Amino acid sequence: MARIPFDPDEIAAALQEDLLFLNRRLAITVSDRLILGTPVGNPALWQRAGAPPGYTGGHARRNWQFSVGGPNLGELQGIDASGARAKSEILSEITSRLRKAFQTFFIQNNVPYAERLANGWSTQAPSGWVDGAILGGVRAADSEAGNKPLEASKRVKPDPKAGTVTTGRRR
């Protein structure tokens, strides 16, 4: 393999790949924690008696949505007590719509009682659990990313013999 100085375009492309991977990893990790942390209805555990109109157990967990460019404003129909459907749909959206390293994404829940759940309506999830899920997801994604060899580090390696940097590409 020829010893050549590093190729800035190759390094930039590798860094873009790494940043996209990290952005997707963050979206997946945070959404998973939000979905699985969402209480699934058991009115006996609620701090106040009585279900809101139209309440169905698992409906809030079903309603976590992912979007790029702006929030989704609609409410999804149906229930998903396990969270498997919501996770699958969000993963599909992340892989198909999150295509650039610095895209802003949204993860939201539009059920009318989502704010009450976030503020501790159910004893299954204390007030502040949404913030905790987001922070925990960020930390987990950061830790997980630290264990993955990034593309830039695979492509650019110091050459101890020549004191130069070589890339995986030949010219």
N, C-alpha and C. Protein backbone atom coordinates (compact mmCIF):
# COMPACT_ATOMS: atom_id res chain seq x y z
N MET A 1 0.84 -1.18 0.00
CA MET A 1 0.00 0.00 0.00
C MET A 1 0.89 1.24 0.00
N ALA A 2 0.56 2.16 -0.84
CA ALA A 2 1.36 3.39 -0.97
C ALA A 2 1.12 4.28 0.24
N ARG A 3 2.17 4.96 0.66
CA ARG A 3 2.04 5.92 1.75
C ARG A 3 1.67 7.26 1.13
N ILE A 4 0.51 7.76 1.52
CA ILE A 4 0.06 9.04 1.01
C ILE A 4 -0.46 9.88 2.16
N PRO A 5 -0.45 11.18 2.01
CA PRO A 5 -1.07 12.00 3.04
C PRO A 5 -2.57 11.72 3.08
N PHE A 6 -3.19 12.03 4.18
CA PHE A 6 -4.62 11.76 4.30
C PHE A 6 -5.40 12.56 3.27
N ASP A 7 -6.53 12.01 2.88
CA ASP A 7 -7.42 12.63 1.91
C ASP A 7 -8.53 13.35 2.68
N PRO A 8 -8.55 14.67 2.67
CA PRO A 8 -9.57 15.41 3.44
C PRO A 8 -10.99 15.05 3.04
N ASP A 9 -11.23 14.79 1.76
CA ASP A 9 -12.58 14.43 1.33
C ASP A 9 -13.01 13.08 1.91
N GLU A 10 -12.06 12.15 1.98
CA GLU A 10 -12.37 10.85 2.55
C GLU A 10 -12.64 10.97 4.05
N ILE A 11 -11.84 11.77 4.72
CA ILE A 11 -12.05 11.97 6.16
C ILE A 11 -13.39 12.64 6.40
N ALA A 12 -13.73 13.66 5.61
CA ALA A 12 -15.01 14.36 5.76
C ALA A 12 -16.17 13.39 5.54
N ALA A 13 -16.08 12.54 4.52
CA ALA A 13 -17.14 11.57 4.26
C ALA A 13 -17.27 10.58 5.42
N ALA A 14 -16.15 10.14 5.95
CA ALA A 14 -16.18 9.20 7.07
C ALA A 14 -16.78 9.86 8.31
N LEU A 15 -16.45 11.10 8.56
CA LEU A 15 -17.01 11.81 9.70
C LEU A 15 -18.51 12.01 9.54
N GLN A 16 -18.97 12.29 8.33
CA GLN A 16 -20.41 12.42 8.08
C GLN A 16 -21.12 11.10 8.38
N GLU A 17 -20.52 9.98 7.97
CA GLU A 17 -21.09 8.66 8.27
C GLU A 17 -21.18 8.44 9.78
N ASP A 18 -20.12 8.80 10.47
CA ASP A 18 -20.09 8.63 11.92
C ASP A 18 -21.16 9.48 12.60
N LEU A 19 -21.28 10.72 12.18
CA LEU A 19 -22.26 11.61 12.80
C LEU A 19 -23.68 11.17 12.50
N LEU A 20 -23.93 10.67 11.30
CA LEU A 20 -25.26 10.14 10.99
C LEU A 20 -25.55 8.92 11.86
N PHE A 21 -24.56 8.03 12.00
CA PHE A 21 -24.73 6.87 12.88
C PHE A 21 -25.09 7.33 14.30
N LEU A 22 -24.36 8.30 14.82
CA LEU A 22 -24.61 8.78 16.18
C LEU A 22 -25.98 9.42 16.31
N ASN A 23 -26.41 10.19 15.32
CA ASN A 23 -27.72 10.83 15.35
C ASN A 23 -28.83 9.78 15.33
N ARG A 24 -28.68 8.77 14.49
CA ARG A 24 -29.67 7.69 14.44
C ARG A 24 -29.67 6.90 15.74
N ARG A 25 -28.49 6.61 16.27
CA ARG A 25 -28.39 5.86 17.52
C ARG A 25 -29.10 6.63 18.65
N LEU A 26 -28.89 7.93 18.68
CA LEU A 26 -29.55 8.77 19.69
C LEU A 26 -31.07 8.69 19.54
N ALA A 27 -31.57 8.84 18.32
CA ALA A 27 -33.01 8.79 18.09
C ALA A 27 -33.60 7.45 18.51
N ILE A 28 -32.92 6.37 18.17
CA ILE A 28 -33.41 5.04 18.50
C ILE A 28 -33.41 4.82 20.02
N THR A 29 -32.32 5.19 20.66
CA THR A 29 -32.19 4.94 22.09
C THR A 29 -33.19 5.77 22.89
N VAL A 30 -33.32 7.05 22.55
CA VAL A 30 -34.27 7.90 23.27
C VAL A 30 -35.71 7.42 23.04
N SER A 31 -36.06 7.13 21.78
CA SER A 31 -37.44 6.70 21.52
C SER A 31 -37.75 5.39 22.23
N ASP A 32 -36.81 4.45 22.24
CA ASP A 32 -37.04 3.19 22.96
C ASP A 32 -37.34 3.44 24.44
N ARG A 33 -36.56 4.31 25.05
CA ARG A 33 -36.77 4.59 26.48
C ARG A 33 -38.10 5.29 26.74
N LEU A 34 -38.48 6.19 25.84
CA LEU A 34 -39.77 6.87 26.00
C LEU A 34 -40.92 5.88 25.86
N ILE A 35 -40.84 5.04 24.84
CA ILE A 35 -41.93 4.08 24.60
C ILE A 35 -42.06 3.12 25.77
N LEU A 36 -40.95 2.51 26.17
CA LEU A 36 -41.02 1.50 27.23
C LEU A 36 -41.29 2.11 28.60
N GLY A 37 -41.00 3.40 28.77
CA GLY A 37 -41.27 4.07 30.04
C GLY A 37 -42.69 4.58 30.18
N THR A 38 -43.44 4.57 29.08
CA THR A 38 -44.81 5.09 29.11
C THR A 38 -45.72 4.13 29.87
N PRO A 39 -46.41 4.64 30.89
CA PRO A 39 -47.33 3.79 31.65
C PRO A 39 -48.43 3.23 30.75
N VAL A 40 -48.78 1.99 30.98
CA VAL A 40 -49.89 1.36 30.26
C VAL A 40 -51.01 1.20 31.26
N GLY A 41 -52.12 1.75 30.91
CA GLY A 41 -53.26 1.97 31.78
C GLY A 41 -53.66 0.92 32.77
N ASN A 42 -53.63 1.34 33.98
CA ASN A 42 -54.21 0.61 35.09
C ASN A 42 -54.78 1.68 36.01
N PRO A 43 -56.04 2.07 35.79
CA PRO A 43 -56.62 3.17 36.56
C PRO A 43 -56.51 3.00 38.08
N ALA A 44 -56.36 1.76 38.55
CA ALA A 44 -56.22 1.54 39.99
C ALA A 44 -54.92 2.15 40.52
N LEU A 45 -53.94 2.34 39.66
CA LEU A 45 -52.66 2.91 40.08
C LEU A 45 -52.58 4.42 39.89
N TRP A 46 -53.60 5.02 39.34
CA TRP A 46 -53.57 6.46 39.07
C TRP A 46 -53.73 7.25 40.36
N GLN A 47 -53.15 8.41 40.40
CA GLN A 47 -53.25 9.26 41.58
C GLN A 47 -54.65 9.84 41.74
N ARG A 48 -55.32 10.04 40.62
CA ARG A 48 -56.70 10.54 40.65
C ARG A 48 -57.59 9.48 40.02
N ALA A 49 -58.79 9.33 40.54
CA ALA A 49 -59.70 8.30 40.03
C ALA A 49 -60.30 8.72 38.70
N GLY A 50 -60.60 7.74 37.89
CA GLY A 50 -61.33 7.99 36.65
C GLY A 50 -60.44 8.15 35.43
N ALA A 51 -60.77 7.41 34.40
CA ALA A 51 -60.03 7.52 33.14
C ALA A 51 -60.57 8.68 32.34
N PRO A 52 -59.70 9.39 31.61
CA PRO A 52 -60.18 10.46 30.75
C PRO A 52 -61.04 9.90 29.62
N PRO A 53 -61.90 10.74 29.04
CA PRO A 53 -62.75 10.25 27.95
C PRO A 53 -61.91 9.65 26.82
N GLY A 54 -62.35 8.50 26.32
CA GLY A 54 -61.67 7.85 25.21
C GLY A 54 -60.42 7.08 25.59
N TYR A 55 -60.13 6.97 26.87
CA TYR A 55 -58.90 6.29 27.29
C TYR A 55 -58.96 4.80 27.01
N THR A 56 -57.87 4.25 26.47
CA THR A 56 -57.71 2.82 26.24
C THR A 56 -56.29 2.46 26.66
N GLY A 57 -56.12 1.45 27.50
CA GLY A 57 -54.78 1.05 27.95
C GLY A 57 -53.85 0.72 26.79
N GLY A 58 -52.68 1.34 26.76
CA GLY A 58 -51.71 1.11 25.71
C GLY A 58 -51.78 2.12 24.58
N HIS A 59 -52.77 3.00 24.63
CA HIS A 59 -52.93 4.00 23.58
C HIS A 59 -51.81 5.05 23.64
N ALA A 60 -51.41 5.45 24.82
CA ALA A 60 -50.32 6.44 24.94
C ALA A 60 -49.00 5.83 24.44
N ARG A 61 -48.75 4.60 24.80
CA ARG A 61 -47.52 3.94 24.34
C ARG A 61 -47.52 3.82 22.81
N ARG A 62 -48.66 3.59 22.22
CA ARG A 62 -48.79 3.49 20.77
C ARG A 62 -48.49 4.82 20.08
N ASN A 63 -48.70 5.93 20.76
CA ASN A 63 -48.66 7.24 20.12
C ASN A 63 -47.32 7.95 20.09
N TRP A 64 -46.24 7.29 20.45
CA TRP A 64 -44.94 7.92 20.25
C TRP A 64 -44.66 7.95 18.75
N GLN A 65 -44.30 9.12 18.26
CA GLN A 65 -44.08 9.32 16.83
C GLN A 65 -42.74 10.01 16.60
N PHE A 66 -42.13 9.69 15.47
CA PHE A 66 -40.85 10.27 15.06
C PHE A 66 -41.07 11.07 13.79
N SER A 67 -40.42 12.23 13.70
CA SER A 67 -40.50 13.01 12.47
C SER A 67 -39.24 13.85 12.30
N VAL A 68 -39.03 14.28 11.08
CA VAL A 68 -37.90 15.14 10.72
C VAL A 68 -38.50 16.39 10.07
N GLY A 69 -37.98 17.55 10.42
CA GLY A 69 -38.44 18.79 9.79
C GLY A 69 -39.54 19.51 10.55
N GLY A 70 -40.24 18.82 11.40
CA GLY A 70 -41.31 19.40 12.20
C GLY A 70 -42.05 18.29 12.90
N PRO A 71 -42.75 18.63 13.97
CA PRO A 71 -43.47 17.58 14.71
C PRO A 71 -44.69 17.08 13.95
N ASN A 72 -45.04 15.81 14.18
CA ASN A 72 -46.32 15.28 13.73
C ASN A 72 -47.38 15.82 14.67
N LEU A 73 -48.50 16.21 14.15
CA LEU A 73 -49.53 16.81 15.00
C LEU A 73 -50.71 15.89 15.27
N GLY A 74 -50.80 14.77 14.57
CA GLY A 74 -51.94 13.89 14.72
C GLY A 74 -51.78 12.87 15.83
N GLU A 75 -52.89 12.32 16.20
CA GLU A 75 -52.93 11.24 17.18
C GLU A 75 -53.18 9.94 16.43
N LEU A 76 -52.40 8.93 16.74
CA LEU A 76 -52.55 7.63 16.10
C LEU A 76 -53.68 6.85 16.77
N GLN A 77 -54.32 6.00 16.03
CA GLN A 77 -55.38 5.15 16.58
C GLN A 77 -54.79 3.82 17.03
N GLY A 78 -55.47 3.18 17.95
CA GLY A 78 -55.08 1.85 18.37
C GLY A 78 -54.30 1.83 19.67
N ILE A 79 -53.93 0.62 20.07
CA ILE A 79 -53.18 0.41 21.30
C ILE A 79 -51.93 -0.41 20.99
N ASP A 80 -50.96 -0.33 21.89
CA ASP A 80 -49.71 -1.07 21.75
C ASP A 80 -49.13 -1.23 23.15
N ALA A 81 -49.73 -2.11 23.93
CA ALA A 81 -49.32 -2.26 25.33
C ALA A 81 -47.86 -2.67 25.47
N SER A 82 -47.32 -3.46 24.53
CA SER A 82 -45.93 -3.91 24.64
C SER A 82 -44.95 -2.86 24.12
N GLY A 83 -45.41 -1.98 23.25
CA GLY A 83 -44.53 -0.99 22.64
C GLY A 83 -43.84 -1.49 21.38
N ALA A 84 -44.04 -2.76 21.02
CA ALA A 84 -43.34 -3.34 19.87
C ALA A 84 -43.71 -2.65 18.56
N ARG A 85 -44.97 -2.34 18.39
CA ARG A 85 -45.40 -1.69 17.15
C ARG A 85 -44.83 -0.29 17.04
N ALA A 86 -44.91 0.47 18.11
CA ALA A 86 -44.36 1.84 18.10
C ALA A 86 -42.86 1.82 17.83
N LYS A 87 -42.14 0.92 18.49
CA LYS A 87 -40.69 0.83 18.28
C LYS A 87 -40.37 0.47 16.84
N SER A 88 -41.09 -0.48 16.28
CA SER A 88 -40.85 -0.90 14.90
C SER A 88 -41.12 0.24 13.91
N GLU A 89 -42.22 0.95 14.11
CA GLU A 89 -42.56 2.05 13.21
C GLU A 89 -41.55 3.19 13.32
N ILE A 90 -41.13 3.50 14.53
CA ILE A 90 -40.15 4.57 14.71
C ILE A 90 -38.81 4.17 14.12
N LEU A 91 -38.39 2.94 14.31
CA LEU A 91 -37.14 2.49 13.71
C LEU A 91 -37.18 2.62 12.19
N SER A 92 -38.30 2.26 11.60
CA SER A 92 -38.46 2.39 10.16
C SER A 92 -38.37 3.86 9.73
N GLU A 93 -39.01 4.74 10.47
CA GLU A 93 -38.96 6.17 10.16
C GLU A 93 -37.54 6.72 10.31
N ILE A 94 -36.85 6.30 11.35
CA ILE A 94 -35.48 6.79 11.58
C ILE A 94 -34.58 6.37 10.43
N THR A 95 -34.65 5.11 10.03
CA THR A 95 -33.75 4.64 8.98
C THR A 95 -34.10 5.21 7.61
N SER A 96 -35.36 5.54 7.39
CA SER A 96 -35.73 6.07 6.07
C SER A 96 -35.68 7.59 5.99
N ARG A 97 -35.90 8.29 7.09
CA ARG A 97 -36.01 9.74 7.02
C ARG A 97 -34.83 10.50 7.60
N LEU A 98 -34.09 9.89 8.51
CA LEU A 98 -32.94 10.57 9.11
C LEU A 98 -31.73 10.24 8.25
N ARG A 99 -31.40 11.13 7.31
CA ARG A 99 -30.39 10.84 6.29
C ARG A 99 -29.15 11.71 6.36
N LYS A 100 -29.18 12.74 7.19
CA LYS A 100 -28.04 13.65 7.29
C LYS A 100 -27.60 13.73 8.74
N ALA A 101 -26.34 14.04 8.93
CA ALA A 101 -25.75 14.03 10.26
C ALA A 101 -26.40 15.02 11.22
N PHE A 102 -26.75 16.19 10.75
CA PHE A 102 -27.23 17.22 11.67
C PHE A 102 -28.71 17.54 11.49
N GLN A 103 -29.50 16.57 11.06
CA GLN A 103 -30.93 16.81 10.93
C GLN A 103 -31.57 16.87 12.31
N THR A 104 -32.45 17.82 12.47
CA THR A 104 -33.23 17.91 13.71
C THR A 104 -34.39 16.94 13.60
N PHE A 105 -34.58 16.18 14.66
CA PHE A 105 -35.70 15.24 14.66
C PHE A 105 -36.57 15.49 15.88
N PHE A 106 -37.79 14.99 15.79
CA PHE A 106 -38.77 15.16 16.85
C PHE A 106 -39.29 13.79 17.26
N ILE A 107 -39.47 13.61 18.56
CA ILE A 107 -40.13 12.43 19.10
C ILE A 107 -41.22 12.98 20.00
N GLN A 108 -42.46 12.73 19.64
CA GLN A 108 -43.55 13.33 20.40
C GLN A 108 -44.69 12.36 20.58
N ASN A 109 -45.54 12.70 21.54
CA ASN A 109 -46.72 11.92 21.84
C ASN A 109 -47.88 12.90 21.91
N ASN A 110 -48.91 12.67 21.09
CA ASN A 110 -50.00 13.65 20.97
C ASN A 110 -51.31 13.23 21.62
N VAL A 111 -51.30 12.23 22.49
CA VAL A 111 -52.55 11.92 23.18
C VAL A 111 -52.89 13.09 24.10
N PRO A 112 -54.16 13.36 24.30
CA PRO A 112 -54.56 14.53 25.10
C PRO A 112 -54.03 14.49 26.54
N TYR A 113 -53.74 13.31 27.04
CA TYR A 113 -53.30 13.18 28.43
C TYR A 113 -51.79 12.93 28.55
N ALA A 114 -51.03 13.13 27.48
CA ALA A 114 -49.58 12.88 27.51
C ALA A 114 -48.89 13.76 28.55
N GLU A 115 -49.29 15.02 28.63
CA GLU A 115 -48.66 15.90 29.61
C GLU A 115 -48.95 15.45 31.04
N ARG A 116 -50.17 14.98 31.27
CA ARG A 116 -50.50 14.47 32.61
C ARG A 116 -49.63 13.26 32.96
N LEU A 117 -49.44 12.37 31.98
CA LEU A 117 -48.57 11.21 32.22
C LEU A 117 -47.15 11.66 32.55
N ALA A 118 -46.66 12.65 31.80
CA ALA A 118 -45.30 13.17 32.03
C ALA A 118 -45.17 13.80 33.41
N ASN A 119 -46.28 14.29 33.94
CA ASN A 119 -46.27 14.96 35.25
C ASN A 119 -46.67 14.03 36.39
N GLY A 120 -46.64 12.72 36.16
CA GLY A 120 -46.86 11.77 37.25
C GLY A 120 -48.28 11.33 37.46
N TRP A 121 -49.15 11.42 36.47
CA TRP A 121 -50.56 11.01 36.61
C TRP A 121 -50.66 9.57 37.08
N SER A 122 -49.80 8.71 36.56
CA SER A 122 -49.81 7.30 36.93
C SER A 122 -48.67 7.04 37.92
N THR A 123 -48.93 6.23 38.91
CA THR A 123 -47.87 5.88 39.85
C THR A 123 -46.84 4.95 39.21
N GLN A 124 -47.11 4.47 37.98
CA GLN A 124 -46.14 3.64 37.26
C GLN A 124 -44.95 4.46 36.77
N ALA A 125 -45.13 5.77 36.65
CA ALA A 125 -44.07 6.63 36.15
C ALA A 125 -44.14 7.96 36.89
N PRO A 126 -43.12 8.30 37.64
CA PRO A 126 -43.15 9.52 38.43
C PRO A 126 -43.05 10.78 37.56
N SER A 127 -43.40 11.88 38.13
CA SER A 127 -43.23 13.16 37.44
C SER A 127 -41.78 13.31 37.01
N GLY A 128 -41.55 13.75 35.79
CA GLY A 128 -40.19 13.92 35.28
C GLY A 128 -39.64 12.71 34.56
N TRP A 129 -40.43 11.64 34.43
CA TRP A 129 -39.90 10.43 33.79
C TRP A 129 -39.53 10.66 32.33
N VAL A 130 -40.22 11.58 31.64
CA VAL A 130 -39.88 11.86 30.24
C VAL A 130 -38.48 12.45 30.14
N ASP A 131 -38.20 13.45 30.99
CA ASP A 131 -36.85 14.04 31.00
C ASP A 131 -35.80 12.99 31.34
N GLY A 132 -36.13 12.13 32.30
CA GLY A 132 -35.21 11.05 32.68
C GLY A 132 -34.96 10.07 31.55
N ALA A 133 -36.02 9.76 30.79
CA ALA A 133 -35.87 8.84 29.66
C ALA A 133 -35.00 9.47 28.58
N ILE A 134 -35.18 10.76 28.34
CA ILE A 134 -34.37 11.44 27.32
C ILE A 134 -32.91 11.49 27.77
N LEU A 135 -32.68 11.91 28.99
CA LEU A 135 -31.31 11.98 29.50
C LEU A 135 -30.65 10.60 29.52
N GLY A 136 -31.39 9.59 29.97
CA GLY A 136 -30.85 8.23 29.99
C GLY A 136 -30.55 7.73 28.58
N GLY A 137 -31.41 8.07 27.63
CA GLY A 137 -31.18 7.68 26.24
C GLY A 137 -29.95 8.35 25.66
N VAL A 138 -29.76 9.63 25.97
CA VAL A 138 -28.57 10.35 25.51
C VAL A 138 -27.32 9.71 26.08
N ARG A 139 -27.33 9.43 27.37
CA ARG A 139 -26.16 8.80 28.00
C ARG A 139 -25.89 7.41 27.44
N ALA A 140 -26.94 6.62 27.23
CA ALA A 140 -26.77 5.27 26.68
C ALA A 140 -26.23 5.32 25.25
N ALA A 141 -26.76 6.24 24.44
CA ALA A 141 -26.28 6.37 23.06
C ALA A 141 -24.83 6.80 23.04
N ASP A 142 -24.48 7.71 23.94
CA ASP A 142 -23.09 8.17 24.03
C ASP A 142 -22.17 7.03 24.43
N SER A 143 -22.57 6.25 25.42
CA SER A 143 -21.76 5.13 25.88
C SER A 143 -21.63 4.07 24.78
N GLU A 144 -22.74 3.78 24.12
CA GLU A 144 -22.74 2.78 23.05
C GLU A 144 -21.86 3.24 21.89
N ALA A 145 -21.94 4.52 21.56
CA ALA A 145 -21.12 5.06 20.46
C ALA A 145 -19.64 4.95 20.78
N GLY A 146 -19.29 5.09 22.05
CA GLY A 146 -17.89 4.98 22.45
C GLY A 146 -17.33 3.59 22.25
N ASN A 147 -18.21 2.60 22.13
CA ASN A 147 -17.77 1.21 21.92
C ASN A 147 -17.72 0.82 20.45
N LYS A 148 -18.15 1.70 19.56
CA LYS A 148 -18.16 1.39 18.12
C LYS A 148 -16.96 2.05 17.46
N PRO A 149 -16.16 1.28 16.72
CA PRO A 149 -15.08 1.93 15.97
C PRO A 149 -15.68 2.79 14.88
N LEU A 150 -15.41 4.06 14.91
CA LEU A 150 -15.99 4.98 13.94
C LEU A 150 -15.28 4.86 12.60
N GLU A 151 -16.01 5.20 11.54
CA GLU A 151 -15.47 5.09 10.18
C GLU A 151 -14.18 5.89 10.01
N ALA A 152 -14.16 7.10 10.56
CA ALA A 152 -12.97 7.93 10.39
C ALA A 152 -11.74 7.26 11.00
N SER A 153 -11.92 6.62 12.15
CA SER A 153 -10.77 5.98 12.78
C SER A 153 -10.34 4.71 12.04
N LYS A 154 -11.27 4.09 11.30
CA LYS A 154 -10.92 2.91 10.51
C LYS A 154 -10.16 3.30 9.25
N ARG A 155 -10.47 4.45 8.72
CA ARG A 155 -9.90 4.85 7.44
C ARG A 155 -8.59 5.61 7.55
N VAL A 156 -8.36 6.22 8.69
CA VAL A 156 -7.16 7.04 8.83
C VAL A 156 -6.33 6.47 9.97
N LYS A 157 -5.15 6.02 9.63
CA LYS A 157 -4.28 5.40 10.63
C LYS A 157 -2.89 6.00 10.51
N PRO A 158 -2.28 6.31 11.62
CA PRO A 158 -0.90 6.78 11.54
C PRO A 158 0.00 5.67 11.03
N ASP A 159 0.97 6.03 10.24
CA ASP A 159 1.95 5.06 9.72
C ASP A 159 3.23 5.26 10.53
N PRO A 160 3.52 4.37 11.49
CA PRO A 160 4.67 4.57 12.37
C PRO A 160 6.01 4.56 11.62
N LYS A 161 6.08 3.89 10.49
CA LYS A 161 7.33 3.82 9.74
C LYS A 161 7.66 5.14 9.07
N ALA A 162 6.66 5.75 8.49
CA ALA A 162 6.93 6.94 7.68
C ALA A 162 6.61 8.24 8.40
N GLY A 163 5.94 8.15 9.54
CA GLY A 163 5.55 9.37 10.23
C GLY A 163 4.47 10.13 9.48
N THR A 164 3.74 9.43 8.61
CA THR A 164 2.66 10.06 7.86
C THR A 164 1.36 9.34 8.20
N VAL A 165 0.30 9.82 7.62
CA VAL A 165 -1.00 9.20 7.80
C VAL A 165 -1.37 8.53 6.49
N THR A 166 -1.89 7.30 6.57
CA THR A 166 -2.31 6.61 5.36
C THR A 166 -3.80 6.39 5.42
N THR A 167 -4.40 6.23 4.26
CA THR A 167 -5.82 5.93 4.18
C THR A 167 -5.97 4.55 3.59
N GLY A 168 -7.18 4.03 3.64
CA GLY A 168 -7.47 2.71 3.08
C GLY A 168 -7.56 2.75 1.56
N ARG A 169 -7.62 3.92 0.97
CA ARG A 169 -7.75 4.02 -0.49
C ARG A 169 -6.39 4.07 -1.16
N ARG A 170 -6.32 3.50 -2.34
CA ARG A 170 -5.11 3.62 -3.16
C ARG A 170 -5.38 4.64 -4.24
N ARG A 171 -4.34 5.32 -4.64
CA ARG A 171 -4.47 6.27 -5.73
C ARG A 171 -3.77 5.77 -6.94
